[in-house]
Amino acid sequence: MDVVLRPISDRFFHEHLLPFFQRAMGDAPGALESLQEQLGDGQARMLCERMLSTALPGGVGALDADPWADLVDRLVFLHWTEGPAGWEVGAAEAGYADGWDEALHLALMVEEADYPYWDARGSRDVRDRFRFRPREDVGLASLLAGLWEPFPEFPPDQVFTTQGRGEYSPGTRYAFADWAWRPARKVAHWQVNLPRKLERLLAREQERMKLPSLPEKEEVLAYWLGKQPQPPPLTVAFSGLGPRAANWIRELGALTAHLRGAALAKQGLAALVTKSSGVRI
């Protein structure tokens, strides 16, 4: 499985998509008609018309599944801008895609202070548990696992699913699905705290290797923070992790760059677990 991260328009998501999905749970035709009035995008409007031509009264279960999935994919994972005719798809923006397990591993390395990243079996057990019960206190890792924060007023796994994962509990205000999002303010908060967490990760590696210092520490940190374009050749830092260490450092740099870009642009982030990421990047 892969995971895809895309920057999204915070205002479009807040003001239009969340109310649309909430209404669609009980009145899908009415939600589609209302959404059409707000859109200037021909492809999305065509999908709405297609579903309205065959829709029965009721929620999303009364709609044709294929055009509904196409519409949700377009609404959530493309960048929308407001134009004279309504909300339109803006210029394509680069996204992030990686193997789901690999991306989750990188995020937990940064977010979880006691995550055993050096232990292949132990870290895999943590990830397996986390995928089926993501926690709220691990930032980016919780988004990659599909946890919803803030809690939605609709079950997200009934809106859209790729792997069939999901839970929606209004009583405990807990929800996760194969897709999730975070508002721009949360992404900005992650970015502010990222340097401290990356420094903590390097300090853990220094302690694990029982070294008085890490020769590449400043260079690796600079790469992760976007201050230099390439990671340094490894001599000590993470070298005890085997041949994948250099790839992990490079991929973590790509992940932090995507987070940094969204924060600087004051955008939110949407994540999707999928069997194939190529069509969305």
Protein backbone atom coordinates (compact mmCIF):
# COMPACT_ATOMS: atom_id res chain seq x y z
CA MET A 1 0.00 0.00 0.00
CA ASP A 2 1.04 3.60 -0.65
CA VAL A 3 0.19 6.82 1.14
CA VAL A 4 -0.26 10.14 -0.63
CA LEU A 5 -0.03 13.59 0.96
CA ARG A 6 -1.40 16.62 -0.88
CA PRO A 7 -1.66 20.31 0.09
CA ILE A 8 -5.26 21.54 0.20
CA SER A 9 -7.13 24.82 0.40
CA ASP A 10 -8.05 25.33 4.06
CA ARG A 11 -10.98 27.62 3.31
CA PHE A 12 -12.49 25.38 0.63
CA PHE A 13 -12.31 22.38 2.96
CA HIS A 14 -13.80 24.23 5.96
CA GLU A 15 -16.52 26.20 4.23
CA HIS A 16 -17.64 23.79 1.54
CA LEU A 17 -16.42 20.20 1.78
CA LEU A 18 -17.11 19.50 5.45
CA PRO A 19 -20.72 20.81 5.24
CA PHE A 20 -21.18 18.97 1.93
CA PHE A 21 -20.12 15.61 3.36
CA GLN A 22 -22.20 16.12 6.49
CA ARG A 23 -25.36 16.84 4.49
CA ALA A 24 -24.66 14.05 1.99
CA MET A 25 -24.91 11.42 4.75
CA GLY A 26 -28.68 11.98 4.89
CA ASP A 27 -29.55 14.00 1.78
CA ALA A 28 -27.08 13.26 -1.00
CA PRO A 29 -29.16 14.79 -3.85
CA GLY A 30 -29.63 18.02 -1.91
CA ALA A 31 -25.93 18.13 -1.05
CA LEU A 32 -24.95 17.66 -4.69
CA GLU A 33 -27.32 20.39 -5.88
CA SER A 34 -25.96 22.82 -3.30
CA LEU A 35 -22.37 21.95 -4.14
CA GLN A 36 -22.96 22.53 -7.86
CA GLU A 37 -23.91 26.14 -7.16
CA GLN A 38 -20.51 26.74 -5.54
CA LEU A 39 -18.33 25.14 -8.23
CA GLY A 40 -16.94 26.55 -11.45
CA ASP A 41 -15.12 23.32 -12.33
CA GLY A 42 -16.70 21.60 -15.31
CA GLN A 43 -15.51 18.09 -14.45
CA ALA A 44 -16.89 18.22 -10.91
CA ARG A 45 -20.19 19.69 -12.10
CA MET A 46 -20.50 16.94 -14.71
CA LEU A 47 -20.02 14.28 -12.04
CA CYS A 48 -22.70 15.93 -9.90
CA GLU A 49 -25.12 15.98 -12.84
CA ARG A 50 -24.38 12.34 -13.61
CA MET A 51 -25.25 11.26 -10.07
CA LEU A 52 -28.29 13.51 -9.80
CA SER A 53 -29.77 11.93 -12.94
CA THR A 54 -30.04 8.55 -11.17
CA ALA A 55 -30.04 9.49 -7.47
CA LEU A 56 -32.71 8.25 -5.09
CA PRO A 57 -33.69 10.05 -1.88
CA GLY A 58 -31.30 9.28 0.96
CA GLY A 59 -27.60 9.33 1.75
CA VAL A 60 -24.52 8.47 -0.28
CA GLY A 61 -25.65 4.84 -0.52
CA ALA A 62 -28.30 6.03 -2.99
CA LEU A 63 -25.65 7.32 -5.43
CA ASP A 64 -23.66 5.54 -8.13
CA ALA A 65 -20.42 4.49 -6.45
CA ASP A 66 -17.95 5.19 -9.29
CA PRO A 67 -18.80 8.84 -10.01
CA TRP A 68 -19.08 9.49 -6.26
CA ALA A 69 -15.56 8.16 -5.70
CA ASP A 70 -14.28 10.25 -8.64
CA LEU A 71 -15.94 13.37 -7.24
CA VAL A 72 -14.59 12.88 -3.72
CA ASP A 73 -11.11 12.23 -5.08
CA ARG A 74 -11.28 15.44 -7.11
CA LEU A 75 -12.69 17.55 -4.29
CA VAL A 76 -10.31 16.38 -1.59
CA PHE A 77 -7.00 15.75 -3.32
CA LEU A 78 -6.74 18.64 -5.78
CA HIS A 79 -5.95 22.24 -4.89
CA TRP A 80 -8.99 24.52 -5.25
CA THR A 81 -9.04 28.28 -5.76
CA GLU A 82 -11.94 30.70 -5.87
CA GLY A 83 -12.63 32.16 -9.32
CA PRO A 84 -15.31 34.37 -10.88
CA ALA A 85 -17.50 31.36 -11.71
CA GLY A 86 -17.02 29.65 -8.35
CA TRP A 87 -14.40 27.29 -6.92
CA GLU A 88 -12.09 25.85 -9.58
CA VAL A 89 -9.15 23.46 -9.67
CA GLY A 90 -5.95 25.51 -9.42
CA ALA A 91 -2.50 24.82 -10.78
CA ALA A 92 -1.18 21.36 -10.02
CA GLU A 93 0.98 21.19 -6.90
CA ALA A 94 3.55 18.57 -6.07
CA GLY A 95 2.50 15.94 -3.59
CA TYR A 96 4.32 13.36 -1.52
CA ALA A 97 3.96 9.62 -2.07
CA ASP A 98 5.73 6.69 -0.47
CA GLY A 99 5.02 3.19 0.71
CA TRP A 100 2.55 3.47 3.57
CA ASP A 101 4.65 1.38 5.94
CA GLU A 102 7.81 3.34 5.11
CA ALA A 103 6.17 6.75 5.53
CA LEU A 104 4.60 5.71 8.82
CA HIS A 105 8.00 4.45 9.99
CA LEU A 106 9.61 7.82 9.21
CA ALA A 107 6.85 9.80 10.91
CA LEU A 108 7.00 7.67 14.05
CA MET A 109 10.78 8.09 14.16
CA VAL A 110 10.19 11.82 14.47
CA GLU A 111 7.04 11.90 16.58
CA GLU A 112 7.36 9.00 19.03
CA ALA A 113 10.15 9.42 21.58
CA ASP A 114 10.35 5.71 22.41
CA TYR A 115 9.67 4.27 18.94
CA PRO A 116 12.19 1.42 18.40
CA TYR A 117 13.20 2.38 14.84
CA TRP A 118 16.42 0.34 15.03
CA ASP A 119 14.52 -2.90 15.79
CA ALA A 120 12.88 -4.28 12.63
CA ARG A 121 10.48 -6.62 14.40
CA GLY A 122 9.66 -4.31 17.31
CA SER A 123 9.04 -1.29 15.09
CA ARG A 124 6.86 -3.35 12.73
CA ASP A 125 4.69 -4.45 15.67
CA VAL A 126 4.23 -0.82 16.72
CA ARG A 127 3.22 0.21 13.20
CA ASP A 128 0.80 -2.70 12.81
CA ARG A 129 -1.00 -1.77 16.01
CA PHE A 130 -0.96 1.90 15.14
CA ARG A 131 -2.56 1.38 11.72
CA PHE A 132 -5.62 -0.24 13.26
CA ARG A 133 -5.85 2.09 16.25
CA PRO A 134 -4.07 5.39 15.47
CA ARG A 135 -3.42 7.69 18.42
CA GLU A 136 -4.01 11.42 18.62
CA ASP A 137 -0.71 12.48 20.22
CA VAL A 138 1.73 11.71 17.41
CA GLY A 139 1.16 14.52 14.93
CA LEU A 140 2.01 13.67 11.35
CA ALA A 141 1.98 9.92 12.03
CA SER A 142 -1.67 10.13 13.09
CA LEU A 143 -2.58 11.84 9.80
CA LEU A 144 -0.77 9.16 7.77
CA ALA A 145 -2.72 6.50 9.68
CA GLY A 146 -6.05 8.23 8.91
CA LEU A 147 -6.99 9.71 12.30
CA TRP A 148 -9.38 12.68 12.10
CA GLU A 149 -8.59 15.74 14.17
CA PRO A 150 -10.74 17.77 14.57
CA PHE A 151 -13.51 15.21 14.90
CA PRO A 152 -15.88 15.25 11.88
CA GLU A 153 -19.65 15.50 12.04
CA PHE A 154 -19.94 12.61 9.57
CA PRO A 155 -18.33 9.14 9.36
CA PRO A 156 -15.41 9.61 6.93
CA ASP A 157 -15.13 5.90 6.13
CA GLN A 158 -18.67 6.08 4.68
CA VAL A 159 -17.70 8.98 2.44
CA PHE A 160 -14.69 7.31 0.88
CA THR A 161 -12.67 4.15 1.46
CA THR A 162 -9.86 2.29 -0.29
CA GLN A 163 -8.94 -0.45 2.18
CA GLY A 164 -12.11 -0.66 4.27
CA ARG A 165 -10.50 0.67 7.45
CA GLY A 166 -12.46 2.97 9.68
CA GLU A 167 -14.15 3.73 12.97
CA TYR A 168 -16.58 6.47 13.92
CA SER A 169 -17.50 6.95 17.57
CA PRO A 170 -19.41 10.17 18.37
CA GLY A 171 -19.50 9.25 22.06
CA THR A 172 -15.72 9.33 22.38
CA ARG A 173 -15.23 11.73 19.43
CA TYR A 174 -12.84 9.32 17.76
CA ALA A 175 -12.71 8.70 14.01
CA PHE A 176 -10.26 7.28 11.52
CA ALA A 177 -10.47 6.15 7.89
CA ASP A 178 -8.34 5.48 4.83
CA TRP A 179 -8.23 9.25 4.29
CA ALA A 180 -7.92 12.23 6.59
CA TRP A 181 -6.93 15.88 6.65
CA ARG A 182 -5.43 18.53 8.93
CA PRO A 183 -6.18 22.26 8.85
CA ALA A 184 -3.48 24.81 8.07
CA ARG A 185 -3.15 25.90 11.70
CA LYS A 186 -2.25 22.33 12.70
CA VAL A 187 0.27 22.01 9.85
CA ALA A 188 1.87 25.28 10.93
CA HIS A 189 2.09 23.99 14.51
CA TRP A 190 3.85 20.83 13.29
CA GLN A 191 6.34 22.91 11.34
CA VAL A 192 7.19 25.08 14.35
CA ASN A 193 7.91 22.00 16.47
CA LEU A 194 9.70 20.02 13.77
CA PRO A 195 13.30 21.23 14.45
CA ARG A 196 13.05 20.24 18.10
CA LYS A 197 11.74 16.77 17.24
CA LEU A 198 14.44 16.20 14.62
CA GLU A 199 17.14 17.24 17.07
CA ARG A 200 15.65 14.80 19.59
CA LEU A 201 15.83 12.01 17.03
CA LEU A 202 19.52 12.71 16.38
CA ALA A 203 20.21 12.83 20.12
CA ARG A 204 18.55 9.42 20.50
CA GLU A 205 20.73 8.04 17.72
CA GLN A 206 23.86 9.40 19.38
CA GLU A 207 22.86 7.76 22.65
CA ARG A 208 21.97 4.49 20.91
CA MET A 209 25.35 4.38 19.19
CA LYS A 210 27.10 5.35 22.47
CA LEU A 211 29.09 8.10 20.77
CA PRO A 212 30.38 11.36 22.28
CA SER A 213 29.15 13.18 19.15
CA LEU A 214 27.65 12.59 15.69
CA PRO A 215 29.98 13.92 12.98
CA GLU A 216 27.13 14.42 10.47
CA LYS A 217 24.58 15.79 12.95
CA GLU A 218 24.55 19.39 11.71
CA GLU A 219 24.60 18.38 8.04
CA VAL A 220 21.76 15.88 8.44
CA LEU A 221 19.69 18.36 10.43
CA ALA A 222 20.31 21.08 7.84
CA TYR A 223 19.11 18.75 5.09
CA TRP A 224 15.97 17.82 6.99
CA LEU A 225 15.22 21.51 7.60
CA GLY A 226 15.74 22.45 3.94
CA LYS A 227 18.93 24.43 4.54
CA GLN A 228 21.00 22.30 2.20
CA PRO A 229 19.81 20.42 -0.91
CA GLN A 230 21.46 17.03 -0.35
CA PRO A 231 22.16 14.85 2.68
CA PRO A 232 25.79 14.25 3.64
CA PRO A 233 27.58 10.92 3.04
CA LEU A 234 27.06 8.77 6.13
CA THR A 235 30.00 7.75 8.27
CA VAL A 236 28.46 7.30 11.71
CA ALA A 237 24.97 8.77 12.12
CA PHE A 238 22.39 6.02 11.61
CA SER A 239 25.07 3.73 10.20
CA GLY A 240 24.09 1.02 12.67
CA LEU A 241 20.71 0.78 10.95
CA GLY A 242 22.16 -1.00 7.94
CA PRO A 243 21.91 -0.27 4.20
CA ARG A 244 18.50 1.44 4.45
CA ALA A 245 19.81 4.23 6.68
CA ALA A 246 20.81 6.57 3.84
CA ASN A 247 17.43 6.09 2.13
CA TRP A 248 15.58 6.83 5.37
CA ILE A 249 17.47 10.10 5.79
CA ARG A 250 16.69 11.11 2.20
CA GLU A 251 13.03 10.15 2.42
CA LEU A 252 12.60 11.94 5.74
CA GLY A 253 14.01 15.03 4.03
CA ALA A 254 11.35 14.70 1.31
CA LEU A 255 8.60 14.32 3.92
CA THR A 256 9.74 17.31 5.97
CA ALA A 257 10.06 19.40 2.79
CA HIS A 258 6.44 18.68 1.92
CA LEU A 259 5.31 19.62 5.42
CA ARG A 260 7.39 22.80 5.31
CA GLY A 261 5.99 23.80 1.91
CA ALA A 262 2.38 23.41 3.05
CA ALA A 263 3.06 25.39 6.23
CA LEU A 264 4.73 28.26 4.37
CA ALA A 265 1.82 28.40 1.90
CA LYS A 266 -0.69 28.34 4.80
CA GLN A 267 -2.30 25.21 3.41
CA GLY A 268 -3.81 22.17 5.04
CA LEU A 269 -2.80 18.61 4.25
CA ALA A 270 -4.87 15.63 3.08
CA ALA A 271 -3.65 12.03 3.26
CA LEU A 272 -4.92 8.94 1.44
CA VAL A 273 -3.93 5.30 1.72
CA THR A 274 -4.17 3.78 -1.73
CA LYS A 275 -3.10 0.78 -3.78
CA SER A 276 -1.60 3.05 -6.40
CA SER A 277 -0.39 6.62 -6.00
CA GLY A 278 0.68 7.31 -9.58
CA VAL A 279 -2.58 8.85 -10.75
CA ARG A 280 -2.55 11.44 -7.96
CA ILE A 281 1.03 12.73 -8.23
